[in-house]
Amino acid sequence: MGNNEFKLTKLALALGVTLSLSGCFSDNDNNTTVPEPPTPTVQAPVADTPEALTFYVAGNVVDNETGEVIPATIKFLEEGAPSTNVTDIEGEELTSVTAEDGVFSFTLADDAELTELTVLVTSEGYVSKSIVVDLSDTSESLDAIVPLVKLDDTKLAIDSSEGAAADGILSADLTASADADSSGATVTIPKDVELRDANGELVSGTDVTLNIVTADIDAAAGKAAAVDLIPEGLNGSSTTEVAVPASVINVEMLAGDTKVKNFSSPVSITSKLPATYVTADGTVIETGDTFDVFSYDEDTGIWVKETDPATVGTAGTLTMPTTFSVDHFSTKVLTQSKAVCSGPIAYNFTGDAIPAVGLNVKIKSDTITKEKKIKKTQGNFLGSAAVTKAGIPADAVVDVTVTDNNGNVWGTQSNLSVCSNSINIALDSPVEIIAEDLNVTYTCSNAEVDQDKQFPLTGALVKYALGKKRSSTATETNGSYALSGLESGETYAVTIIPRGIEVEPEVTSITADGTAESFNFDRDNCELKTVEVTGGTGGTGGTGGNG
């Protein structure tokens, strides 16, 4: 039969030549170009969490006696009005916040130019109070502590009276009187005085309640002190003198649910001071002495000095009554002026190292209370301007206490003439303190590849606390959050609040043993990018895994 394969090959060659030649003489060859197949692509995750937080304020509202956090409502005020410069950590405007666990945080709008902010705090069953947050330095995060005094008649002098009204007029005089151990206060509302709300309108409520709260300046052990009831911001307008409190009276009147704030004519308030009270000039109180009266508006956070002073009347057996008139209700404080401490007030700590999260330093006397977070071994507890705002007179004698966020005492100093001597304490931790890292990551279930790859979750706010003690905040480095100041062996609740992404906060726990721990978020909303498949001829195998 011969070599058919050879014959077919020659035929194919001949046909190929013929076709090639015919192509040279005709444009109608019906040839088609086969395109290259498309390169396969997949949706891969990208790191989309923001950079670490730089500035924020971390706050705790605590019971003044126990130090435990309590539920509270926090309002932010500027010059008597709701702030427009405060935001949450996501950048949303924030005028108030309800903190069920007593822990709150905020930051400032990008264009804010605030140097201070009034933070007004209320909690059911407690006397409301405000603090003034110094925002002159926003280079690092700040801590804010707001201690509230519980409305406990074993700790405070409290009285309440009820009456009836019609069209803003009482049916009979209404009086409330509260007596502490060495002081007290009495308020009487005449029946012919018109009761008005904050806008000056007659109140419509028919059931009227008058509440009064006071406390001793020289409070006995186990009692709440008057100074603990006084909102911050009383001082600061003068650079040479400070107002030193002698008495505080918290007065509230309600007609139904409406606050009675104003009256058609003045009403009298009598404050009782101890007969042994020493006045600003160093003499014992006597008839005819006068005290300045300051009023604090709980709705605006503003202090106002009243025109008429309080004058001491005839001495009682144990008290000296001081009477003054007002046409509105709020917190009232009787003061006398003293020369201001020249400042600054310095500190120097030796002994055990201060945890990175810091320690709480508190100075206190009968007329002063000020607490601040300290993270360095030496510096100024208060600068010259802050000394004035804290109301510290030149002759101030204070006790100093250094504690951690769990209430452990690291050191004390007693009877310190703080304006002429710095705070010097050798720190001694009563517990073993350690630190450890919490590495926070996320994976992306909405991606086509790398679903199991863990990315650092940056930019979150991470808080941790032991039981109901104060919360601390962690510092971050690329998704690793440093938890410092931990009591060895204790279990801490850790709250992770992601930022810049739609992921709900999570609560986990760690045991303080110095070993780094981790937590991963499983996300279904990661940002994705289109990438080409490489290293294969189809499918997605070329880009998978944790590479």
Protein backbone atom coordinates (compact mmCIF):
# COMPACT_ATOMS: atom_id res chain seq x y z
CA MET A 1 0.00 0.00 0.00
CA GLY A 2 2.95 2.31 0.34
CA ASN A 3 3.54 5.12 2.85
CA ASN A 4 0.16 6.82 3.19
CA GLU A 5 1.38 9.07 5.99
CA PHE A 6 4.05 10.47 3.73
CA LYS A 7 1.54 11.08 0.90
CA LEU A 8 -0.89 12.84 3.24
CA THR A 9 1.84 15.03 4.59
CA LYS A 10 2.91 16.14 1.11
CA LEU A 11 -0.70 16.84 0.22
CA ALA A 12 -1.16 18.96 3.33
CA LEU A 13 1.94 20.91 2.52
CA ALA A 14 0.77 21.49 -1.02
CA LEU A 15 -2.61 22.69 0.13
CA GLY A 16 -0.97 24.98 2.65
CA VAL A 17 1.15 26.57 -0.03
CA THR A 18 -1.86 27.00 -2.30
CA LEU A 19 -3.88 28.65 0.42
CA SER A 20 -1.04 30.95 1.26
CA LEU A 21 -0.65 31.99 -2.37
CA SER A 22 -4.38 32.57 -2.80
CA GLY A 23 -4.27 34.84 0.23
CA CYS A 24 -1.82 37.04 -1.53
CA PHE A 25 -4.30 37.74 -4.33
CA SER A 26 -7.59 38.11 -2.41
CA ASP A 27 -8.80 40.19 0.61
CA ASN A 28 -11.78 37.93 1.19
CA ASP A 29 -10.03 35.12 3.07
CA ASN A 30 -12.64 34.80 5.91
CA ASN A 31 -9.83 34.54 8.49
CA THR A 32 -10.85 35.41 12.17
CA THR A 33 -8.50 36.37 15.04
CA VAL A 34 -9.04 34.37 18.23
CA PRO A 35 -8.70 36.80 21.24
CA GLU A 36 -6.59 35.94 24.25
CA PRO A 37 -8.74 34.54 27.06
CA PRO A 38 -9.38 37.11 29.87
CA THR A 39 -7.17 36.92 32.92
CA PRO A 40 -9.34 35.63 35.79
CA THR A 41 -9.87 38.04 38.74
CA VAL A 42 -11.17 37.73 42.29
CA GLN A 43 -12.26 40.07 45.08
CA ALA A 44 -9.57 40.24 47.79
CA PRO A 45 -9.70 42.11 51.13
CA VAL A 46 -7.66 45.21 51.90
CA ALA A 47 -6.70 46.68 55.25
CA ASP A 48 -9.34 49.37 55.80
CA THR A 49 -9.25 50.26 59.51
CA PRO A 50 -8.08 53.76 60.50
CA GLU A 51 -4.90 54.91 62.19
CA ALA A 52 -4.62 54.84 65.97
CA LEU A 53 -6.54 57.42 67.97
CA THR A 54 -4.36 60.36 68.93
CA PHE A 55 -6.50 62.54 71.20
CA TYR A 56 -9.59 61.65 73.21
CA VAL A 57 -10.94 62.07 76.72
CA ALA A 58 -11.74 58.92 78.69
CA GLY A 59 -14.10 59.49 81.62
CA ASN A 60 -15.43 57.57 84.59
CA VAL A 61 -18.40 58.52 86.78
CA VAL A 62 -17.93 56.96 90.21
CA ASP A 63 -19.52 56.79 93.63
CA ASN A 64 -17.57 59.25 95.78
CA GLU A 65 -17.32 56.77 98.66
CA THR A 66 -16.85 53.36 97.02
CA GLY A 67 -15.03 54.45 93.88
CA GLU A 68 -17.19 52.12 91.78
CA VAL A 69 -18.59 53.26 88.43
CA ILE A 70 -22.28 54.20 88.35
CA PRO A 71 -24.79 54.81 85.52
CA ALA A 72 -24.92 58.45 84.50
CA THR A 73 -25.97 61.01 81.93
CA ILE A 74 -23.22 63.32 80.71
CA LYS A 75 -23.77 66.69 79.05
CA PHE A 76 -21.12 68.83 77.34
CA LEU A 77 -21.41 72.59 77.77
CA GLU A 78 -19.62 75.66 76.42
CA GLU A 79 -20.36 79.08 77.89
CA GLY A 80 -23.69 77.89 79.24
CA ALA A 81 -24.94 76.20 76.07
CA PRO A 82 -24.66 72.69 74.61
CA SER A 83 -21.29 72.26 72.96
CA THR A 84 -21.05 72.10 69.18
CA ASN A 85 -17.39 71.07 69.25
CA VAL A 86 -17.61 67.68 70.94
CA THR A 87 -17.82 64.47 68.92
CA ASP A 88 -17.74 60.76 69.59
CA ILE A 89 -14.70 58.80 68.41
CA GLU A 90 -16.36 58.38 65.00
CA GLY A 91 -16.58 62.14 64.54
CA GLU A 92 -20.35 62.48 65.08
CA GLU A 93 -21.47 65.56 67.04
CA LEU A 94 -22.17 64.79 70.67
CA THR A 95 -24.04 67.04 73.12
CA SER A 96 -24.87 64.37 75.68
CA VAL A 97 -24.40 60.67 76.30
CA THR A 98 -25.98 58.07 78.56
CA ALA A 99 -23.39 55.78 80.11
CA GLU A 100 -25.06 52.72 81.60
CA ASP A 101 -21.74 51.52 82.97
CA GLY A 102 -20.54 54.99 84.03
CA VAL A 103 -17.78 55.00 81.42
CA PHE A 104 -17.73 57.57 78.60
CA SER A 105 -15.37 58.98 76.00
CA PHE A 106 -15.33 61.85 73.56
CA THR A 107 -13.05 63.86 71.35
CA LEU A 108 -13.17 67.23 69.58
CA ALA A 109 -14.23 68.32 66.12
CA ASP A 110 -11.33 68.90 63.72
CA ASP A 111 -11.83 72.67 63.71
CA ALA A 112 -12.49 73.03 67.45
CA GLU A 113 -10.52 75.69 69.30
CA LEU A 114 -11.60 74.92 72.86
CA THR A 115 -9.32 75.42 75.84
CA GLU A 116 -11.80 74.02 78.37
CA LEU A 117 -15.13 72.25 78.50
CA THR A 118 -17.74 71.85 81.23
CA VAL A 119 -18.89 68.25 81.69
CA LEU A 120 -22.17 68.10 83.65
CA VAL A 121 -23.06 64.74 85.15
CA THR A 122 -26.31 63.50 86.67
CA SER A 123 -27.20 60.11 88.08
CA GLU A 124 -30.40 58.93 89.75
CA GLY A 125 -30.00 58.96 93.51
CA TYR A 126 -26.92 61.18 93.46
CA VAL A 127 -26.17 64.90 93.76
CA SER A 128 -25.34 66.20 90.27
CA LYS A 129 -21.93 67.74 89.68
CA SER A 130 -19.77 69.15 86.93
CA ILE A 131 -16.07 69.19 86.17
CA VAL A 132 -14.08 71.50 83.93
CA VAL A 133 -11.82 69.63 81.50
CA ASP A 134 -8.61 71.45 80.56
CA LEU A 135 -8.17 71.12 76.78
CA SER A 136 -5.15 73.38 76.41
CA ASP A 137 -2.96 70.38 75.53
CA THR A 138 -4.45 67.80 73.16
CA SER A 139 -1.19 66.11 72.22
CA GLU A 140 -2.23 62.95 74.08
CA SER A 141 -5.33 61.39 75.58
CA LEU A 142 -6.78 62.77 78.81
CA ASP A 143 -8.59 61.17 81.74
CA ALA A 144 -11.64 62.65 83.47
CA ILE A 145 -12.99 61.47 86.80
CA VAL A 146 -16.38 62.62 88.12
CA PRO A 147 -17.14 61.52 91.72
CA LEU A 148 -20.79 61.89 92.75
CA VAL A 149 -22.15 61.89 96.31
CA LYS A 150 -25.05 59.55 96.98
CA LEU A 151 -28.28 61.04 98.35
CA ASP A 152 -27.97 59.17 101.63
CA ASP A 153 -29.38 60.81 104.76
CA THR A 154 -26.79 59.00 106.87
CA LYS A 155 -24.04 60.80 104.93
CA LEU A 156 -25.73 64.11 104.11
CA ALA A 157 -28.23 66.49 105.69
CA ILE A 158 -31.38 66.15 103.57
CA ASP A 159 -34.92 67.41 103.91
CA SER A 160 -37.95 67.44 101.65
CA SER A 161 -41.32 69.21 101.98
CA GLU A 162 -44.47 68.92 99.89
CA GLY A 163 -47.17 71.47 99.21
CA ALA A 164 -49.93 72.42 96.81
CA ALA A 165 -50.10 75.20 94.24
CA ALA A 166 -52.52 76.64 91.69
CA ASP A 167 -51.49 78.87 88.79
CA GLY A 168 -47.97 79.18 90.21
CA ILE A 169 -49.07 80.24 93.72
CA LEU A 170 -48.61 78.11 96.84
CA SER A 171 -51.62 77.45 99.05
CA ALA A 172 -49.43 77.87 102.16
CA ASP A 173 -45.84 78.72 103.09
CA LEU A 174 -43.44 75.90 102.33
CA THR A 175 -40.30 75.27 104.40
CA ALA A 176 -37.49 72.71 104.26
CA SER A 177 -34.72 72.51 106.87
CA ALA A 178 -31.71 70.20 106.93
CA ASP A 179 -29.32 70.00 109.89
CA ALA A 180 -25.87 68.40 109.68
CA ASP A 181 -23.60 67.82 112.68
CA SER A 182 -22.15 71.34 112.84
CA SER A 183 -24.06 73.24 110.16
CA GLY A 184 -27.35 73.26 108.29
CA ALA A 185 -29.70 75.19 106.04
CA THR A 186 -33.31 76.37 105.95
CA VAL A 187 -35.40 77.58 103.00
CA THR A 188 -38.85 79.15 103.29
CA ILE A 189 -41.10 79.96 100.29
CA PRO A 190 -43.89 82.44 101.17
CA LYS A 191 -47.32 81.53 99.82
CA ASP A 192 -47.74 84.79 97.91
CA VAL A 193 -44.60 84.36 95.79
CA GLU A 194 -45.16 83.43 92.15
CA LEU A 195 -43.36 80.24 91.09
CA ARG A 196 -41.81 80.39 87.64
CA ASP A 197 -39.85 78.06 85.38
CA ALA A 198 -36.48 78.73 83.73
CA ASN A 199 -38.19 80.83 81.04
CA GLY A 200 -39.97 83.03 83.57
CA GLU A 201 -43.38 81.45 82.94
CA LEU A 202 -45.73 80.52 85.78
CA VAL A 203 -45.56 76.81 86.52
CA SER A 204 -48.72 74.78 86.03
CA GLY A 205 -48.04 71.83 88.32
CA THR A 206 -50.25 71.54 91.39
CA ASP A 207 -48.07 69.20 93.48
CA VAL A 208 -44.96 71.04 94.70
CA THR A 209 -41.85 69.52 96.27
CA LEU A 210 -39.01 71.44 97.92
CA ASN A 211 -35.73 69.55 98.40
CA ILE A 212 -32.65 70.73 100.27
CA VAL A 213 -29.25 69.08 100.68
CA THR A 214 -26.24 70.29 102.65
CA ALA A 215 -23.18 68.93 104.44
CA ASP A 216 -20.55 70.02 106.94
CA ILE A 217 -17.36 71.67 105.72
CA ASP A 218 -15.55 69.92 108.59
CA ALA A 219 -17.29 66.60 107.95
CA ALA A 220 -16.77 63.81 110.47
CA ALA A 221 -15.38 60.45 109.39
CA GLY A 222 -17.94 58.49 107.39
CA LYS A 223 -19.85 61.62 106.37
CA ALA A 224 -19.90 63.39 103.02
CA ALA A 225 -18.11 66.74 103.03
CA ALA A 226 -19.52 69.98 101.67
CA VAL A 227 -16.57 70.38 99.32
CA ASP A 228 -17.55 67.12 97.58
CA LEU A 229 -20.87 68.68 96.54
CA ILE A 230 -19.41 71.77 94.88
CA PRO A 231 -19.24 71.73 91.06
CA GLU A 232 -15.96 72.86 89.51
CA GLY A 233 -15.56 76.28 87.93
CA LEU A 234 -16.21 78.42 90.99
CA ASN A 235 -12.79 80.04 90.63
CA GLY A 236 -10.78 81.33 87.72
CA SER A 237 -11.93 84.91 87.12
CA SER A 238 -9.36 86.42 89.51
CA THR A 239 -5.61 85.95 89.32
CA THR A 240 -4.90 87.20 92.85
CA GLU A 241 -7.69 85.75 95.00
CA VAL A 242 -9.71 82.58 95.29
CA ALA A 243 -13.18 82.03 96.74
CA VAL A 244 -12.87 79.65 99.70
CA PRO A 245 -16.16 77.87 100.46
CA ALA A 246 -17.73 77.94 103.93
CA SER A 247 -21.11 76.38 103.15
CA VAL A 248 -22.94 74.70 100.29
CA ILE A 249 -26.70 74.38 99.89
CA ASN A 250 -28.31 72.44 97.08
CA VAL A 251 -31.91 73.57 96.63
CA GLU A 252 -34.39 72.11 94.16
CA MET A 253 -38.10 72.85 93.77
CA LEU A 254 -40.46 70.97 91.47
CA ALA A 255 -44.02 71.68 90.41
CA GLY A 256 -45.00 68.35 88.96
CA ASP A 257 -42.12 67.56 86.61
CA THR A 258 -41.19 71.21 86.03
CA LYS A 259 -38.29 72.81 87.86
CA VAL A 260 -39.14 76.01 89.71
CA LYS A 261 -36.19 78.25 88.89
CA ASN A 262 -37.41 81.81 89.48
CA PHE A 263 -39.63 83.79 91.85
CA SER A 264 -41.59 87.01 91.56
CA SER A 265 -39.82 88.34 94.66
CA PRO A 266 -36.79 87.22 96.70
CA VAL A 267 -36.98 84.35 99.17
CA SER A 268 -34.66 83.82 102.13
CA ILE A 269 -32.14 81.05 102.70
CA THR A 270 -30.40 80.61 106.03
CA SER A 271 -27.13 78.75 106.28
CA LYS A 272 -25.82 77.67 109.67
CA LEU A 273 -22.08 77.66 110.28
CA PRO A 274 -20.18 76.22 113.26
CA ALA A 275 -19.64 78.75 116.05
CA THR A 276 -15.94 77.81 115.89
CA TYR A 277 -15.60 78.59 112.17
CA VAL A 278 -12.44 80.58 111.42
CA THR A 279 -12.93 83.30 108.81
CA ALA A 280 -10.53 84.40 106.09
CA ASP A 281 -8.86 86.96 108.36
CA GLY A 282 -8.04 84.28 110.93
CA THR A 283 -10.64 85.22 113.54
CA VAL A 284 -13.55 83.17 114.86
CA ILE A 285 -16.88 83.93 113.19
CA GLU A 286 -19.07 86.55 114.85
CA THR A 287 -22.26 88.54 114.29
CA GLY A 288 -21.97 90.95 111.38
CA ASP A 289 -19.43 88.95 109.36
CA THR A 290 -20.30 88.65 105.68
CA PHE A 291 -19.85 85.99 103.02
CA ASP A 292 -20.07 86.24 99.27
CA VAL A 293 -22.83 84.16 97.69
CA PHE A 294 -22.26 82.26 94.44
CA SER A 295 -25.03 80.50 92.54
CA TYR A 296 -24.46 77.57 90.21
CA ASP A 297 -26.97 76.80 87.46
CA GLU A 298 -27.14 73.04 86.90
CA ASP A 299 -28.65 73.57 83.45
CA THR A 300 -25.94 75.86 82.08
CA GLY A 301 -22.89 74.96 84.17
CA ILE A 302 -22.24 78.64 84.98
CA TRP A 303 -21.37 80.24 88.33
CA VAL A 304 -22.68 83.73 89.13
CA LYS A 305 -21.74 85.91 92.08
CA GLU A 306 -24.87 87.32 93.70
CA THR A 307 -25.14 91.04 94.37
CA ASP A 308 -26.08 90.76 98.04
CA PRO A 309 -23.83 88.93 100.51
CA ALA A 310 -24.87 86.66 103.36
CA THR A 311 -24.67 88.30 106.78
CA VAL A 312 -24.14 86.50 110.08
CA GLY A 313 -26.92 87.10 112.58
CA THR A 314 -27.29 86.41 116.28
CA ALA A 315 -25.31 83.44 117.46
CA GLY A 316 -27.06 80.21 118.31
CA THR A 317 -25.85 77.65 120.79
CA LEU A 318 -23.71 75.75 118.31
CA THR A 319 -24.18 77.64 115.05
CA MET A 320 -23.96 81.09 113.52
CA PRO A 321 -26.86 81.68 111.09
CA THR A 322 -26.05 83.51 107.83
CA THR A 323 -29.07 84.73 105.90
CA PHE A 324 -29.32 85.86 102.28
CA SER A 325 -32.07 86.37 99.70
CA VAL A 326 -32.36 84.93 96.19
CA ASP A 327 -34.87 85.15 93.36
CA HIS A 328 -33.91 81.81 91.81
CA PHE A 329 -32.91 78.32 92.94
CA SER A 330 -29.71 76.41 92.25
CA THR A 331 -26.67 75.30 94.21
CA LYS A 332 -25.59 78.10 96.57
CA VAL A 333 -22.11 78.43 98.03
CA LEU A 334 -21.02 80.91 100.71
CA THR A 335 -17.38 81.97 100.35
CA GLN A 336 -14.70 84.31 101.62
CA SER A 337 -11.72 85.52 99.60
CA LYS A 338 -8.11 84.55 100.26
CA ALA A 339 -4.84 85.21 98.46
CA VAL A 340 -4.25 82.61 95.76
CA CYS A 341 -1.43 80.08 95.87
CA SER A 342 1.37 81.36 93.65
CA GLY A 343 1.86 77.94 92.04
CA PRO A 344 2.79 75.82 90.30
CA ILE A 345 2.46 72.78 92.57
CA ALA A 346 5.22 70.29 91.77
CA TYR A 347 5.49 66.58 92.52
CA ASN A 348 8.28 64.01 92.68
CA PHE A 349 7.65 60.28 92.99
CA THR A 350 10.21 57.65 93.87
CA GLY A 351 9.91 53.94 94.69
CA ASP A 352 7.80 51.61 92.57
CA ALA A 353 7.40 52.46 88.90
CA ILE A 354 4.26 54.19 87.72
CA PRO A 355 2.29 51.96 85.30
CA ALA A 356 2.03 53.30 81.77
CA VAL A 357 -1.70 53.83 82.30
CA GLY A 358 -0.87 56.21 85.17
CA LEU A 359 -1.88 56.72 88.81
CA ASN A 360 -4.52 58.98 90.35
CA VAL A 361 -3.19 61.76 92.57
CA LYS A 362 -5.72 63.52 94.81
CA ILE A 363 -5.25 66.50 97.11
CA LYS A 364 -7.95 67.30 99.63
CA SER A 365 -8.76 69.58 102.54
CA ASP A 366 -11.98 70.95 104.05
CA THR A 367 -12.22 73.46 101.18
CA ILE A 368 -10.25 71.84 98.34
CA THR A 369 -10.60 68.66 96.33
CA LYS A 370 -8.69 68.03 93.11
CA GLU A 371 -7.71 64.80 91.38
CA LYS A 372 -5.49 64.26 88.36
CA LYS A 373 -3.99 61.36 86.42
CA ILE A 374 -0.17 61.28 86.60
CA LYS A 375 2.00 59.20 84.24
CA LYS A 376 5.47 60.61 84.93
CA THR A 377 7.66 60.45 88.03
CA GLN A 378 8.02 64.21 88.33
CA GLY A 379 6.49 67.39 87.00
CA ASN A 380 3.75 69.85 87.91
CA PHE A 381 0.60 68.50 89.49
CA LEU A 382 -1.01 71.88 88.73
CA GLY A 383 0.37 74.80 86.78
CA SER A 384 -0.09 78.39 87.93
CA ALA A 385 -3.37 78.94 86.06
CA ALA A 386 -4.73 75.54 87.14
CA VAL A 387 -3.94 76.34 90.79
CA THR A 388 -6.23 79.36 90.60
CA LYS A 389 -9.00 77.44 88.86
CA ALA A 390 -8.78 74.74 91.53
CA GLY A 391 -9.37 77.41 94.20
CA ILE A 392 -6.18 76.75 96.16
CA PRO A 393 -5.30 79.56 98.61
CA ALA A 394 -1.77 80.43 99.65
CA ASP A 395 -2.22 78.90 103.11
CA ALA A 396 -3.67 75.60 101.86
CA VAL A 397 -2.84 72.50 103.88
CA VAL A 398 -3.85 69.27 102.19
CA ASP A 399 -3.66 65.50 102.41
CA VAL A 400 -2.39 63.68 99.32
CA THR A 401 -3.41 60.17 98.23
CA VAL A 402 -2.04 58.21 95.27
CA THR A 403 -4.17 55.32 94.01
CA ASP A 404 -4.54 53.13 90.95
CA ASN A 405 -7.81 52.63 89.09
CA ASN A 406 -8.71 49.71 91.35
CA GLY A 407 -8.50 51.90 94.45
CA ASN A 408 -5.24 50.43 95.75
CA VAL A 409 -3.30 53.05 97.73
CA TRP A 410 0.30 53.50 96.53
CA GLY A 411 1.25 56.33 98.88
CA THR A 412 0.05 59.22 101.03
CA GLN A 413 1.27 62.51 102.43
CA SER A 414 -0.50 64.36 105.23
CA ASN A 415 -0.76 68.00 106.32
CA LEU A 416 1.23 69.29 103.37
CA SER A 417 1.53 73.06 102.94
CA VAL A 418 1.16 72.50 99.26
CA CYS A 419 1.98 76.03 98.08
CA SER A 420 5.42 76.08 99.65
CA ASN A 421 6.30 72.38 99.39
CA SER A 422 6.13 69.94 96.52
CA ILE A 423 4.41 66.57 96.71
CA ASN A 424 7.07 63.98 97.54
CA ILE A 425 5.96 60.37 97.90
CA ALA A 426 7.80 57.08 97.72
CA LEU A 427 5.37 54.85 95.84
CA ASP A 428 4.77 51.36 97.16
CA SER A 429 2.32 49.18 95.23
CA PRO A 430 0.33 46.89 97.55
CA VAL A 431 -0.27 44.42 94.69
CA GLU A 432 1.82 42.87 91.91
CA ILE A 433 1.37 45.00 88.80
CA ILE A 434 2.00 43.63 85.32
CA ALA A 435 1.22 44.50 81.69
CA GLU A 436 0.31 42.49 78.65
CA ASP A 437 -0.74 43.04 75.04
CA LEU A 438 -4.04 42.28 73.38
CA ASN A 439 -3.60 41.73 69.65
CA VAL A 440 -6.84 42.57 67.84
CA THR A 441 -7.39 41.39 64.27
CA TYR A 442 -10.16 40.84 61.73
CA THR A 443 -10.94 38.45 58.90
CA CYS A 444 -13.14 39.07 55.87
CA SER A 445 -15.89 36.57 55.10
CA ASN A 446 -17.19 38.71 52.21
CA ALA A 447 -13.97 38.26 50.24
CA GLU A 448 -13.49 35.56 47.56
CA VAL A 449 -9.95 34.84 48.71
CA ASP A 450 -7.96 35.29 51.91
CA GLN A 451 -11.08 34.77 54.03
CA ASP A 452 -8.87 33.42 56.79
CA LYS A 453 -6.13 36.02 56.61
CA GLN A 454 -6.00 38.13 59.77
CA PHE A 455 -5.44 41.86 59.42
CA PRO A 456 -4.53 44.13 62.39
CA LEU A 457 -7.60 46.01 63.61
CA THR A 458 -6.18 49.48 64.11
CA GLY A 459 -7.81 52.67 65.39
CA ALA A 460 -10.07 51.04 67.99
CA LEU A 461 -10.74 52.28 71.52
CA VAL A 462 -9.98 49.50 73.98
CA LYS A 463 -11.13 49.81 77.59
CA TYR A 464 -10.52 47.39 80.43
CA ALA A 465 -11.69 47.19 84.02
CA LEU A 466 -11.66 44.94 87.06
CA GLY A 467 -15.25 44.41 88.18
CA LYS A 468 -16.98 47.75 88.79
CA LYS A 469 -13.73 49.64 89.30
CA ARG A 470 -12.66 52.50 87.08
CA SER A 471 -12.03 51.71 83.46
CA SER A 472 -8.59 52.18 81.89
CA THR A 473 -7.79 52.69 78.20
CA ALA A 474 -5.10 50.88 76.23
CA THR A 475 -2.46 52.42 74.01
CA GLU A 476 -2.11 51.01 70.49
CA THR A 477 0.69 50.08 68.12
CA ASN A 478 -0.54 48.68 64.77
CA GLY A 479 -3.43 46.72 66.25
CA SER A 480 -1.59 45.65 69.41
CA TYR A 481 -3.19 47.21 72.48
CA ALA A 482 -1.06 47.53 75.61
CA LEU A 483 -2.98 46.84 78.82
CA SER A 484 -0.92 48.19 81.72
CA GLY A 485 -1.50 48.54 85.44
CA LEU A 486 -3.02 45.05 85.71
CA GLU A 487 -3.23 43.21 89.01
CA SER A 488 -1.52 39.89 88.48
CA GLY A 489 -3.92 36.94 88.43
CA GLU A 490 -7.09 39.03 88.15
CA THR A 491 -9.63 38.71 85.34
CA TYR A 492 -10.46 41.89 83.47
CA ALA A 493 -13.40 42.69 81.22
CA VAL A 494 -12.13 44.23 77.97
CA THR A 495 -14.36 46.29 75.68
CA ILE A 496 -13.16 46.67 72.09
CA ILE A 497 -14.84 49.52 70.21
CA PRO A 498 -13.88 49.48 66.51
CA ARG A 499 -13.74 52.82 64.76
CA GLY A 500 -14.16 53.86 61.14
CA ILE A 501 -15.87 50.59 60.16
CA GLU A 502 -19.37 49.16 60.64
CA VAL A 503 -18.58 46.62 63.32
CA GLU A 504 -20.28 46.38 66.70
CA PRO A 505 -18.18 46.62 69.88
CA GLU A 506 -17.24 43.37 71.57
CA VAL A 507 -16.61 42.49 75.19
CA THR A 508 -14.08 39.82 76.03
CA SER A 509 -11.94 39.02 79.06
CA ILE A 510 -8.30 38.44 79.83
CA THR A 511 -6.47 36.99 82.80
CA ALA A 512 -3.55 39.16 83.85
CA ASP A 513 -0.54 36.84 83.55
CA GLY A 514 1.80 38.85 81.32
CA THR A 515 1.14 36.65 78.27
CA ALA A 516 -0.12 38.37 75.13
CA GLU A 517 -3.66 37.46 74.13
CA SER A 518 -5.65 37.92 70.93
CA PHE A 519 -9.14 38.65 69.68
CA ASN A 520 -10.45 38.42 66.11
CA PHE A 521 -13.48 40.05 64.48
CA ASP A 522 -15.19 38.14 61.65
CA ARG A 523 -16.37 40.81 59.20
CA ASP A 524 -18.76 40.53 56.26
CA ASN A 525 -18.27 44.13 55.14
CA CYS A 526 -14.56 44.49 54.45
CA GLU A 527 -13.36 46.80 51.72
CA LEU A 528 -12.39 44.70 48.69
CA LYS A 529 -10.16 45.13 45.64
CA THR A 530 -10.07 43.29 42.31
CA VAL A 531 -6.88 41.28 41.78
CA GLU A 532 -5.76 39.01 38.92
CA VAL A 533 -5.37 35.32 39.51
CA THR A 534 -1.74 34.28 39.04
CA GLY A 535 0.12 31.03 39.24
CA GLY A 536 -2.65 28.87 37.65
CA THR A 537 -4.88 28.33 34.59
CA GLY A 538 -8.22 29.17 36.13
CA GLY A 539 -10.06 29.17 39.43
CA THR A 540 -8.79 31.09 42.45
CA GLY A 541 -6.18 28.79 43.80
CA GLY A 542 -3.32 31.09 42.87
CA THR A 543 -4.22 33.83 45.39
CA GLY A 544 -5.69 31.89 48.28
CA GLY A 545 -4.28 31.24 51.71
CA ASN A 546 -2.83 33.61 54.33
CA GLY A 547 0.05 34.91 52.27
